[in-house]
């Protein structure tokens, strides 16, 4: 998620100060991605350094207002016009954990997956129960859009766990377990696996 472009998009609506940006970000995203004020001010400093925002007036309470520049508006337009690419690989702990568990000797993979499925279903039910209505204007719509994305991801996670369970539990455990490799690793990055065409 790009905090940088998100803040720029909000500033494109008019000058704001740091706490105001945080409140606007929360209001427009259903408060699902908490930003701390230090992160916002660090981002504003970088945006100013890059010529995308400029410091403006200071009000009676000491709030420093930032406004977007033409270059900042161009970046917002480019960001909104560009699709979000899918990331290659994963840093998601769940697939990594299950891949390791499936290849380690002595691990009850069925139990690991059963516990994970129960937890994932509980999280899904919690998301469904707290989904805000989307019919009451912009803030509710924004919160509902983000909540729906979280619900769909949680549903996909449960389906993926079921898929993995059907694959892993169909074979004998000894066919998937990996012993430590006797090959001495080379320094540097591992070579990319060649895919058969």
N, C-alpha and C. Protein backbone atom coordinates (compact mmCIF):
# COMPACT_ATOMS: atom_id res chain seq x y z
N UNK A 1 0.85 -1.17 0.00
CA UNK A 1 0.00 0.00 0.00
C UNK A 1 0.89 1.22 0.00
N UNK A 2 0.55 2.18 -0.80
CA UNK A 2 1.36 3.38 -0.90
C UNK A 2 0.80 4.50 -0.05
N UNK A 3 1.45 4.72 1.08
CA UNK A 3 1.08 5.85 1.93
C UNK A 3 1.35 7.14 1.18
N UNK A 4 2.46 7.16 0.47
CA UNK A 4 2.88 8.36 -0.27
C UNK A 4 1.78 8.83 -1.23
N UNK A 5 1.33 7.94 -2.11
CA UNK A 5 0.31 8.32 -3.08
C UNK A 5 -1.03 8.59 -2.42
N UNK A 6 -1.32 7.87 -1.35
CA UNK A 6 -2.59 8.10 -0.65
C UNK A 6 -2.64 9.50 -0.06
N UNK A 7 -1.56 9.92 0.57
CA UNK A 7 -1.52 11.27 1.14
C UNK A 7 -1.58 12.32 0.04
N UNK A 8 -0.89 12.07 -1.06
CA UNK A 8 -0.95 13.01 -2.18
C UNK A 8 -2.38 13.13 -2.71
N UNK A 9 -3.08 12.00 -2.82
CA UNK A 9 -4.45 12.03 -3.33
C UNK A 9 -5.36 12.85 -2.41
N UNK A 10 -5.14 12.74 -1.11
CA UNK A 10 -5.93 13.54 -0.17
C UNK A 10 -5.56 15.01 -0.31
N UNK A 11 -4.26 15.30 -0.40
CA UNK A 11 -3.84 16.70 -0.55
C UNK A 11 -4.32 17.32 -1.85
N UNK A 12 -4.62 16.49 -2.84
CA UNK A 12 -5.16 17.01 -4.09
C UNK A 12 -6.54 17.63 -3.88
N UNK A 13 -7.19 17.31 -2.75
CA UNK A 13 -8.49 17.89 -2.42
C UNK A 13 -8.36 19.26 -1.76
N UNK A 14 -7.17 19.54 -1.20
CA UNK A 14 -6.94 20.82 -0.54
C UNK A 14 -5.85 20.70 0.51
N UNK A 15 -5.29 21.82 0.96
CA UNK A 15 -4.22 21.81 1.96
C UNK A 15 -4.67 21.15 3.26
N UNK A 16 -3.74 20.41 3.88
CA UNK A 16 -4.00 19.72 5.15
C UNK A 16 -2.75 19.75 6.01
N UNK A 17 -2.93 19.56 7.31
CA UNK A 17 -1.79 19.35 8.21
C UNK A 17 -1.77 17.87 8.60
N UNK A 18 -0.73 17.44 9.29
CA UNK A 18 -0.48 16.03 9.54
C UNK A 18 -1.62 15.27 10.19
N UNK A 19 -2.12 15.75 11.32
CA UNK A 19 -3.21 15.04 12.00
C UNK A 19 -4.46 15.01 11.13
N UNK A 20 -4.67 16.08 10.39
CA UNK A 20 -5.83 16.14 9.49
C UNK A 20 -5.69 15.08 8.39
N UNK A 21 -4.47 14.91 7.86
CA UNK A 21 -4.24 13.87 6.85
C UNK A 21 -4.52 12.49 7.42
N UNK A 22 -4.07 12.25 8.65
CA UNK A 22 -4.33 10.95 9.27
C UNK A 22 -5.83 10.71 9.42
N UNK A 23 -6.56 11.72 9.88
CA UNK A 23 -8.01 11.58 10.05
C UNK A 23 -8.69 11.34 8.70
N UNK A 24 -8.27 12.06 7.67
CA UNK A 24 -8.86 11.87 6.35
C UNK A 24 -8.54 10.48 5.79
N UNK A 25 -7.32 10.02 5.99
CA UNK A 25 -6.95 8.69 5.52
C UNK A 25 -7.82 7.64 6.21
N UNK A 26 -7.97 7.75 7.54
CA UNK A 26 -8.82 6.82 8.29
C UNK A 26 -10.26 6.86 7.80
N UNK A 27 -10.76 8.06 7.59
CA UNK A 27 -12.15 8.25 7.17
C UNK A 27 -12.40 7.64 5.80
N UNK A 28 -11.40 7.70 4.93
CA UNK A 28 -11.57 7.25 3.55
C UNK A 28 -11.21 5.78 3.35
N UNK A 29 -10.65 5.13 4.38
CA UNK A 29 -10.26 3.73 4.23
C UNK A 29 -10.89 2.83 5.29
N UNK A 30 -11.85 3.34 6.01
CA UNK A 30 -12.52 2.53 7.02
C UNK A 30 -11.65 2.21 8.21
N UNK A 31 -10.62 3.01 8.45
CA UNK A 31 -9.70 2.85 9.60
C UNK A 31 -9.08 1.46 9.65
N UNK A 32 -8.83 0.86 8.49
CA UNK A 32 -8.27 -0.50 8.47
C UNK A 32 -6.76 -0.51 8.37
N UNK A 33 -6.13 0.63 8.12
CA UNK A 33 -4.68 0.69 8.00
C UNK A 33 -4.22 1.85 8.89
N UNK A 34 -3.95 1.60 10.16
CA UNK A 34 -3.59 2.71 11.04
C UNK A 34 -2.24 3.33 10.68
N UNK A 35 -2.25 4.63 10.51
CA UNK A 35 -1.01 5.37 10.26
C UNK A 35 -0.70 6.18 11.50
N UNK A 36 0.58 6.20 11.89
CA UNK A 36 0.92 7.08 13.00
C UNK A 36 1.37 8.42 12.44
N UNK A 37 1.26 9.44 13.26
CA UNK A 37 1.55 10.79 12.80
C UNK A 37 3.01 10.94 12.40
N UNK A 38 3.91 10.24 13.08
CA UNK A 38 5.33 10.31 12.71
C UNK A 38 5.54 9.82 11.29
N UNK A 39 4.85 8.75 10.91
CA UNK A 39 4.95 8.22 9.55
C UNK A 39 4.43 9.25 8.55
N UNK A 40 3.37 9.92 8.90
CA UNK A 40 2.81 10.93 8.00
C UNK A 40 3.78 12.08 7.81
N UNK A 41 4.36 12.59 8.91
CA UNK A 41 5.28 13.72 8.77
C UNK A 41 6.57 13.31 8.06
N UNK A 42 7.05 12.09 8.27
CA UNK A 42 8.22 11.62 7.51
C UNK A 42 7.90 11.57 6.02
N UNK A 43 6.71 11.08 5.70
CA UNK A 43 6.30 11.01 4.29
C UNK A 43 6.16 12.41 3.71
N UNK A 44 5.59 13.34 4.48
CA UNK A 44 5.46 14.72 3.99
C UNK A 44 6.83 15.35 3.73
N UNK A 45 7.81 15.07 4.59
CA UNK A 45 9.16 15.59 4.36
C UNK A 45 9.74 15.07 3.06
N UNK A 46 9.56 13.78 2.80
CA UNK A 46 10.06 13.20 1.55
C UNK A 46 9.31 13.77 0.34
N UNK A 47 8.00 13.95 0.48
CA UNK A 47 7.23 14.52 -0.62
C UNK A 47 7.67 15.95 -0.90
N UNK A 48 7.97 16.69 0.16
CA UNK A 48 8.46 18.06 -0.03
C UNK A 48 9.83 18.04 -0.70
N UNK A 49 10.71 17.15 -0.25
CA UNK A 49 12.04 17.02 -0.84
C UNK A 49 11.95 16.70 -2.33
N UNK A 50 10.96 15.89 -2.69
CA UNK A 50 10.80 15.46 -4.08
C UNK A 50 10.00 16.46 -4.92
N UNK A 51 9.59 17.57 -4.31
CA UNK A 51 8.88 18.61 -5.06
C UNK A 51 7.42 18.29 -5.34
N UNK A 52 6.84 17.37 -4.57
CA UNK A 52 5.44 16.98 -4.80
C UNK A 52 4.45 17.72 -3.90
N UNK A 53 4.96 18.24 -2.78
CA UNK A 53 4.15 19.09 -1.89
C UNK A 53 5.03 20.26 -1.46
N UNK A 54 4.37 21.29 -0.92
CA UNK A 54 5.12 22.41 -0.35
C UNK A 54 4.46 22.80 0.97
N UNK A 55 5.31 23.26 1.89
CA UNK A 55 4.79 23.77 3.16
C UNK A 55 4.10 25.09 2.89
N UNK A 56 3.01 25.29 3.60
CA UNK A 56 2.26 26.53 3.43
C UNK A 56 2.11 27.26 4.74
N UNK A 57 0.93 27.77 4.94
CA UNK A 57 0.64 28.59 6.10
C UNK A 57 0.63 27.78 7.38
N UNK A 58 0.85 28.49 8.49
CA UNK A 58 0.73 27.93 9.84
C UNK A 58 -0.46 28.63 10.49
N UNK A 59 -1.39 27.85 11.05
CA UNK A 59 -2.56 28.48 11.67
C UNK A 59 -2.26 28.90 13.10
N UNK A 60 -3.25 29.45 13.78
CA UNK A 60 -3.09 29.96 15.15
C UNK A 60 -2.70 28.88 16.14
N UNK A 61 -2.99 27.63 15.83
CA UNK A 61 -2.67 26.52 16.73
C UNK A 61 -1.34 25.87 16.38
N UNK A 62 -0.63 26.41 15.41
CA UNK A 62 0.68 25.88 15.04
C UNK A 62 0.65 24.77 14.01
N UNK A 63 -0.49 24.48 13.42
CA UNK A 63 -0.58 23.45 12.38
C UNK A 63 0.06 23.96 11.09
N UNK A 64 0.98 23.21 10.58
CA UNK A 64 1.63 23.54 9.31
C UNK A 64 0.85 22.85 8.20
N UNK A 65 0.33 23.63 7.28
CA UNK A 65 -0.45 23.09 6.17
C UNK A 65 0.46 22.77 4.99
N UNK A 66 0.19 21.64 4.36
CA UNK A 66 0.92 21.23 3.17
C UNK A 66 -0.05 21.28 2.00
N UNK A 67 0.46 21.70 0.84
CA UNK A 67 -0.36 21.69 -0.36
C UNK A 67 0.39 20.96 -1.47
N UNK A 68 -0.37 20.41 -2.37
CA UNK A 68 0.19 19.61 -3.46
C UNK A 68 0.70 20.54 -4.57
N UNK A 69 1.74 20.11 -5.26
CA UNK A 69 2.27 20.85 -6.40
C UNK A 69 1.71 20.23 -7.70
N UNK A 70 2.00 20.86 -8.81
CA UNK A 70 1.58 20.29 -10.09
C UNK A 70 2.21 18.91 -10.31
N UNK A 71 3.48 18.77 -9.92
CA UNK A 71 4.15 17.46 -10.06
C UNK A 71 3.46 16.42 -9.17
N UNK A 72 3.00 16.84 -8.00
CA UNK A 72 2.26 15.94 -7.12
C UNK A 72 0.94 15.51 -7.73
N UNK A 73 0.25 16.46 -8.38
CA UNK A 73 -1.01 16.12 -9.05
C UNK A 73 -0.78 15.12 -10.17
N UNK A 74 0.32 15.31 -10.91
CA UNK A 74 0.65 14.36 -11.97
C UNK A 74 0.88 12.96 -11.40
N UNK A 75 1.57 12.89 -10.25
CA UNK A 75 1.83 11.58 -9.64
C UNK A 75 0.54 10.92 -9.17
N UNK A 76 -0.38 11.70 -8.62
CA UNK A 76 -1.68 11.16 -8.20
C UNK A 76 -2.42 10.61 -9.40
N UNK A 77 -2.46 11.38 -10.49
CA UNK A 77 -3.16 10.92 -11.70
C UNK A 77 -2.55 9.62 -12.22
N UNK A 78 -1.21 9.58 -12.26
CA UNK A 78 -0.52 8.37 -12.73
C UNK A 78 -0.86 7.17 -11.84
N UNK A 79 -0.87 7.39 -10.52
CA UNK A 79 -1.17 6.32 -9.57
C UNK A 79 -2.59 5.81 -9.75
N UNK A 80 -3.55 6.73 -9.86
CA UNK A 80 -4.95 6.34 -10.00
C UNK A 80 -5.22 5.68 -11.35
N UNK A 81 -4.45 6.06 -12.37
CA UNK A 81 -4.63 5.48 -13.71
C UNK A 81 -3.93 4.14 -13.89
N UNK A 82 -3.06 3.75 -12.95
CA UNK A 82 -2.28 2.52 -13.09
C UNK A 82 -2.86 1.41 -12.22
N UNK A 83 -3.01 0.21 -12.78
CA UNK A 83 -3.47 -0.91 -11.95
C UNK A 83 -2.41 -1.30 -10.93
N UNK A 84 -2.85 -1.88 -9.83
CA UNK A 84 -1.93 -2.35 -8.79
C UNK A 84 -1.42 -3.73 -9.23
N UNK A 85 -0.11 -3.87 -9.42
CA UNK A 85 0.40 -5.17 -9.87
C UNK A 85 0.39 -6.19 -8.74
N UNK A 86 0.19 -7.45 -9.12
CA UNK A 86 0.31 -8.53 -8.14
C UNK A 86 1.78 -8.71 -7.82
N UNK A 87 2.08 -8.89 -6.55
CA UNK A 87 3.47 -9.08 -6.16
C UNK A 87 3.92 -10.50 -6.48
N UNK A 88 5.15 -10.58 -6.96
CA UNK A 88 5.74 -11.90 -7.21
C UNK A 88 6.17 -12.48 -5.87
N UNK A 89 6.00 -13.78 -5.71
CA UNK A 89 6.39 -14.41 -4.46
C UNK A 89 5.41 -14.05 -3.35
N UNK A 90 5.77 -14.43 -2.14
CA UNK A 90 4.90 -14.12 -1.01
C UNK A 90 5.72 -13.84 0.23
N UNK A 91 5.24 -12.94 1.02
CA UNK A 91 5.77 -12.71 2.36
C UNK A 91 4.70 -13.04 3.39
N UNK A 92 3.62 -13.65 2.90
CA UNK A 92 2.53 -14.06 3.75
C UNK A 92 2.98 -15.28 4.55
N UNK A 93 2.88 -15.20 5.85
CA UNK A 93 3.38 -16.27 6.71
C UNK A 93 2.65 -17.60 6.50
N UNK A 94 1.35 -17.57 6.22
CA UNK A 94 0.58 -18.80 6.15
C UNK A 94 1.07 -19.77 5.06
N UNK A 95 1.21 -19.34 3.79
CA UNK A 95 1.71 -20.32 2.81
C UNK A 95 3.12 -20.80 3.10
N UNK A 96 3.96 -19.92 3.64
CA UNK A 96 5.33 -20.32 3.99
C UNK A 96 5.29 -21.37 5.11
N UNK A 97 4.47 -21.11 6.13
CA UNK A 97 4.36 -22.04 7.26
C UNK A 97 3.86 -23.40 6.79
N UNK A 98 2.80 -23.41 5.97
CA UNK A 98 2.26 -24.70 5.52
C UNK A 98 3.22 -25.43 4.58
N UNK A 99 3.95 -24.68 3.74
CA UNK A 99 4.93 -25.32 2.86
C UNK A 99 6.02 -25.98 3.68
N UNK A 100 6.49 -25.30 4.72
CA UNK A 100 7.51 -25.88 5.59
C UNK A 100 6.95 -27.07 6.38
N UNK A 101 5.77 -26.89 6.96
CA UNK A 101 5.17 -27.97 7.76
C UNK A 101 4.97 -29.22 6.91
N UNK A 102 4.58 -29.04 5.65
CA UNK A 102 4.32 -30.18 4.78
C UNK A 102 5.58 -30.95 4.44
N UNK A 103 6.74 -30.29 4.52
CA UNK A 103 7.98 -30.96 4.11
C UNK A 103 8.86 -31.35 5.29
N UNK A 104 8.42 -31.06 6.51
CA UNK A 104 9.19 -31.44 7.69
C UNK A 104 8.72 -32.79 8.22
N UNK A 105 9.65 -33.66 8.56
CA UNK A 105 9.25 -34.96 9.11
C UNK A 105 8.65 -34.79 10.51
N UNK A 106 7.67 -35.60 10.82
CA UNK A 106 7.10 -35.63 12.16
C UNK A 106 6.07 -34.55 12.45
N UNK A 107 5.73 -33.73 11.48
CA UNK A 107 4.73 -32.68 11.72
C UNK A 107 3.36 -33.21 11.32
N UNK A 108 2.40 -33.03 12.21
CA UNK A 108 1.02 -33.43 11.92
C UNK A 108 0.39 -32.31 11.09
N UNK A 109 0.58 -32.38 9.78
CA UNK A 109 0.10 -31.31 8.89
C UNK A 109 -1.41 -31.18 8.95
N UNK A 110 -2.11 -32.28 9.10
CA UNK A 110 -3.57 -32.23 9.19
C UNK A 110 -4.00 -31.39 10.39
N UNK A 111 -3.33 -31.56 11.52
CA UNK A 111 -3.67 -30.78 12.72
C UNK A 111 -3.34 -29.31 12.52
N UNK A 112 -2.20 -29.03 11.91
CA UNK A 112 -1.80 -27.64 11.64
C UNK A 112 -2.87 -26.97 10.77
N UNK A 113 -3.28 -27.66 9.73
CA UNK A 113 -4.25 -27.09 8.81
C UNK A 113 -5.63 -26.97 9.45
N UNK A 114 -6.02 -27.94 10.26
CA UNK A 114 -7.32 -27.89 10.94
C UNK A 114 -7.39 -26.66 11.87
N UNK A 115 -6.32 -26.46 12.65
CA UNK A 115 -6.29 -25.29 13.55
C UNK A 115 -6.33 -24.00 12.75
N UNK A 116 -5.58 -23.95 11.65
CA UNK A 116 -5.56 -22.74 10.84
C UNK A 116 -6.92 -22.47 10.21
N UNK A 117 -7.56 -23.53 9.73
CA UNK A 117 -8.88 -23.36 9.11
C UNK A 117 -9.89 -22.82 10.12
N UNK A 118 -9.86 -23.37 11.34
CA UNK A 118 -10.77 -22.90 12.39
C UNK A 118 -10.54 -21.41 12.68
N UNK A 119 -9.26 -21.03 12.80
CA UNK A 119 -8.92 -19.63 13.07
C UNK A 119 -9.32 -18.73 11.91
N UNK A 120 -9.08 -19.19 10.69
CA UNK A 120 -9.44 -18.40 9.51
C UNK A 120 -10.95 -18.23 9.41
N UNK A 121 -11.71 -19.30 9.73
CA UNK A 121 -13.18 -19.19 9.70
C UNK A 121 -13.69 -18.23 10.77
N UNK A 122 -13.08 -18.26 11.96
CA UNK A 122 -13.48 -17.32 13.02
C UNK A 122 -13.22 -15.88 12.58
N UNK A 123 -12.06 -15.65 11.96
CA UNK A 123 -11.73 -14.31 11.47
C UNK A 123 -12.73 -13.88 10.39
N UNK A 124 -13.08 -14.79 9.50
CA UNK A 124 -14.04 -14.49 8.44
C UNK A 124 -15.40 -14.12 9.03
N UNK A 125 -15.87 -14.88 10.00
CA UNK A 125 -17.15 -14.58 10.63
C UNK A 125 -17.11 -13.23 11.34
N UNK A 126 -15.98 -12.92 11.98
CA UNK A 126 -15.82 -11.62 12.62
C UNK A 126 -15.88 -10.48 11.62
N UNK A 127 -15.23 -10.66 10.48
CA UNK A 127 -15.27 -9.63 9.43
C UNK A 127 -16.68 -9.44 8.90
N UNK A 128 -17.38 -10.56 8.68
CA UNK A 128 -18.76 -10.46 8.17
C UNK A 128 -19.67 -9.76 9.19
N UNK A 129 -19.47 -10.08 10.47
CA UNK A 129 -20.33 -9.50 11.51
C UNK A 129 -20.11 -8.00 11.70
N UNK A 130 -18.90 -7.54 11.41
CA UNK A 130 -18.60 -6.12 11.64
C UNK A 130 -18.60 -5.29 10.37
N UNK A 131 -18.98 -5.90 9.24
CA UNK A 131 -19.00 -5.14 7.98
C UNK A 131 -20.01 -4.01 8.10
N UNK A 132 -19.56 -2.78 7.82
CA UNK A 132 -20.48 -1.65 7.91
C UNK A 132 -21.43 -1.62 6.71
N UNK A 133 -22.58 -1.01 6.88
CA UNK A 133 -23.47 -0.85 5.72
C UNK A 133 -22.84 0.11 4.72
N UNK A 134 -23.20 -0.03 3.45
CA UNK A 134 -22.57 0.82 2.44
C UNK A 134 -23.53 1.85 1.86
N UNK A 135 -24.72 1.96 2.42
CA UNK A 135 -25.74 2.81 1.82
C UNK A 135 -25.84 4.21 2.41
N UNK A 136 -24.95 4.56 3.35
CA UNK A 136 -25.13 5.84 4.05
C UNK A 136 -24.08 6.88 3.69
N UNK A 137 -23.65 6.93 2.46
CA UNK A 137 -22.74 7.99 2.06
C UNK A 137 -21.30 7.54 1.92
N UNK A 138 -20.44 8.50 1.64
CA UNK A 138 -19.04 8.25 1.30
C UNK A 138 -18.23 7.50 2.33
N UNK A 139 -18.31 7.92 3.60
CA UNK A 139 -17.51 7.25 4.63
C UNK A 139 -17.92 5.80 4.80
N UNK A 140 -19.24 5.54 4.83
CA UNK A 140 -19.72 4.17 4.97
C UNK A 140 -19.35 3.34 3.75
N UNK A 141 -19.44 3.94 2.57
CA UNK A 141 -19.08 3.23 1.35
C UNK A 141 -17.60 2.86 1.37
N UNK A 142 -16.74 3.80 1.76
CA UNK A 142 -15.30 3.53 1.82
C UNK A 142 -15.01 2.39 2.79
N UNK A 143 -15.61 2.44 3.98
CA UNK A 143 -15.39 1.38 4.97
C UNK A 143 -15.91 0.04 4.46
N UNK A 144 -17.05 0.04 3.77
CA UNK A 144 -17.61 -1.21 3.25
C UNK A 144 -16.75 -1.79 2.14
N UNK A 145 -16.20 -0.94 1.28
CA UNK A 145 -15.32 -1.43 0.21
C UNK A 145 -14.10 -2.13 0.78
N UNK A 146 -13.48 -1.53 1.78
CA UNK A 146 -12.30 -2.15 2.39
C UNK A 146 -12.70 -3.41 3.14
N UNK A 147 -13.81 -3.37 3.85
CA UNK A 147 -14.29 -4.56 4.58
C UNK A 147 -14.58 -5.70 3.61
N UNK A 148 -15.20 -5.40 2.47
CA UNK A 148 -15.48 -6.44 1.48
C UNK A 148 -14.18 -7.07 0.97
N UNK A 149 -13.16 -6.26 0.72
CA UNK A 149 -11.88 -6.81 0.27
C UNK A 149 -11.30 -7.75 1.31
N UNK A 150 -11.40 -7.39 2.58
CA UNK A 150 -10.89 -8.26 3.66
C UNK A 150 -11.71 -9.54 3.75
N UNK A 151 -13.01 -9.43 3.57
CA UNK A 151 -13.89 -10.61 3.61
C UNK A 151 -13.55 -11.55 2.45
N UNK A 152 -13.42 -11.00 1.25
CA UNK A 152 -13.11 -11.84 0.09
C UNK A 152 -11.75 -12.52 0.24
N UNK A 153 -10.77 -11.81 0.80
CA UNK A 153 -9.46 -12.43 1.03
C UNK A 153 -9.57 -13.56 2.06
N UNK A 154 -10.34 -13.32 3.12
CA UNK A 154 -10.51 -14.36 4.13
C UNK A 154 -11.23 -15.58 3.54
N UNK A 155 -12.24 -15.35 2.69
CA UNK A 155 -12.91 -16.47 2.02
C UNK A 155 -11.94 -17.23 1.13
N UNK A 156 -11.12 -16.48 0.40
CA UNK A 156 -10.12 -17.13 -0.47
C UNK A 156 -9.12 -17.93 0.35
N UNK A 157 -8.75 -17.42 1.52
CA UNK A 157 -7.82 -18.15 2.38
C UNK A 157 -8.41 -19.49 2.81
N UNK A 158 -9.68 -19.49 3.21
CA UNK A 158 -10.33 -20.74 3.62
C UNK A 158 -10.40 -21.71 2.44
N UNK A 159 -10.74 -21.21 1.25
CA UNK A 159 -10.79 -22.08 0.06
C UNK A 159 -9.40 -22.64 -0.24
N UNK A 160 -8.37 -21.79 -0.11
CA UNK A 160 -7.00 -22.24 -0.37
C UNK A 160 -6.59 -23.32 0.63
N UNK A 161 -6.92 -23.14 1.90
CA UNK A 161 -6.60 -24.16 2.92
C UNK A 161 -7.28 -25.48 2.56
N UNK A 162 -8.54 -25.42 2.14
CA UNK A 162 -9.24 -26.64 1.74
C UNK A 162 -8.56 -27.29 0.53
N UNK A 163 -8.14 -26.49 -0.40
CA UNK A 163 -7.43 -27.00 -1.60
C UNK A 163 -6.12 -27.69 -1.19
N UNK A 164 -5.35 -27.01 -0.34
CA UNK A 164 -4.07 -27.57 0.11
C UNK A 164 -4.31 -28.86 0.88
N UNK A 165 -5.33 -28.88 1.73
CA UNK A 165 -5.64 -30.08 2.51
C UNK A 165 -5.95 -31.25 1.58
N UNK A 166 -6.72 -31.02 0.53
CA UNK A 166 -7.06 -32.12 -0.37
C UNK A 166 -5.82 -32.64 -1.09
N UNK A 167 -4.87 -31.75 -1.39
CA UNK A 167 -3.64 -32.19 -2.05
C UNK A 167 -2.70 -32.90 -1.09
N UNK A 168 -2.46 -32.30 0.06
CA UNK A 168 -1.48 -32.85 0.99
C UNK A 168 -1.95 -34.13 1.67
N UNK A 169 -3.20 -34.16 2.01
CA UNK A 169 -3.68 -35.30 2.78
C UNK A 169 -3.98 -36.51 1.89
N UNK A 170 -3.95 -36.31 0.58
CA UNK A 170 -4.19 -37.43 -0.34
C UNK A 170 -2.97 -38.34 -0.44
N UNK A 171 -1.76 -37.78 -0.31
CA UNK A 171 -0.54 -38.58 -0.45
C UNK A 171 0.00 -39.04 0.88
N UNK A 172 0.91 -39.98 0.82
CA UNK A 172 1.56 -40.47 2.04
C UNK A 172 2.57 -39.42 2.52
N UNK A 173 2.70 -39.21 3.85
CA UNK A 173 3.61 -38.19 4.36
C UNK A 173 5.05 -38.35 3.87
N UNK A 174 5.53 -39.59 3.73
CA UNK A 174 6.94 -39.76 3.36
C UNK A 174 7.22 -39.30 1.93
N UNK A 175 6.19 -39.13 1.11
CA UNK A 175 6.42 -38.68 -0.27
C UNK A 175 6.65 -37.19 -0.37
N UNK A 176 6.32 -36.44 0.68
CA UNK A 176 6.50 -34.99 0.63
C UNK A 176 7.59 -34.49 1.56
N UNK A 177 8.03 -35.30 2.51
CA UNK A 177 9.04 -34.87 3.46
C UNK A 177 10.39 -34.70 2.77
N UNK A 178 11.09 -33.66 3.14
CA UNK A 178 12.41 -33.39 2.59
C UNK A 178 13.46 -33.49 3.68
N UNK A 179 14.51 -34.26 3.44
CA UNK A 179 15.64 -34.30 4.36
C UNK A 179 16.52 -33.09 4.06
N UNK A 180 17.39 -32.75 5.01
CA UNK A 180 18.34 -31.68 4.74
C UNK A 180 19.20 -32.05 3.55
N UNK A 181 19.47 -31.08 2.72
CA UNK A 181 20.29 -31.32 1.53
C UNK A 181 21.75 -31.49 1.93
N UNK A 182 22.43 -32.42 1.29
CA UNK A 182 23.85 -32.64 1.55
C UNK A 182 24.70 -31.73 0.66
N UNK A 183 24.06 -31.04 -0.27
CA UNK A 183 24.79 -30.17 -1.19
C UNK A 183 25.21 -28.89 -0.48
N UNK A 184 26.45 -28.47 -0.67
CA UNK A 184 26.95 -27.25 -0.06
C UNK A 184 26.37 -26.05 -0.80
N UNK A 185 25.68 -25.16 -0.08
CA UNK A 185 25.10 -24.00 -0.75
C UNK A 185 26.18 -23.04 -1.25
N UNK A 186 25.89 -22.41 -2.36
CA UNK A 186 26.80 -21.39 -2.89
C UNK A 186 26.46 -20.07 -2.23
N UNK A 187 27.47 -19.21 -2.16
CA UNK A 187 27.23 -17.88 -1.61
C UNK A 187 26.46 -17.05 -2.63
N UNK A 188 25.81 -16.02 -2.12
CA UNK A 188 25.04 -15.16 -3.01
C UNK A 188 23.63 -15.67 -3.16
N UNK A 189 22.98 -15.18 -4.14
CA UNK A 189 21.59 -15.56 -4.37
C UNK A 189 21.53 -16.95 -4.97
N UNK A 190 20.51 -17.71 -4.58
CA UNK A 190 20.35 -19.04 -5.19
C UNK A 190 19.99 -18.88 -6.66
N UNK A 191 20.41 -19.82 -7.48
CA UNK A 191 20.06 -19.74 -8.90
C UNK A 191 18.56 -19.90 -9.08
N UNK A 192 18.04 -19.23 -10.09
CA UNK A 192 16.61 -19.37 -10.38
C UNK A 192 16.34 -20.74 -10.97
N UNK A 193 15.26 -21.31 -10.54
CA UNK A 193 14.90 -22.64 -11.04
C UNK A 193 14.48 -22.52 -12.50
N UNK A 194 14.99 -23.40 -13.33
CA UNK A 194 14.60 -23.40 -14.74
C UNK A 194 13.28 -24.12 -14.88
N UNK A 195 12.37 -23.49 -15.57
CA UNK A 195 11.05 -24.10 -15.79
C UNK A 195 11.06 -24.79 -17.14
N UNK A 196 10.58 -26.00 -17.17
CA UNK A 196 10.49 -26.74 -18.43
C UNK A 196 9.41 -26.13 -19.28
N UNK A 197 9.72 -25.94 -20.54
CA UNK A 197 8.74 -25.34 -21.44
C UNK A 197 7.90 -26.40 -22.10
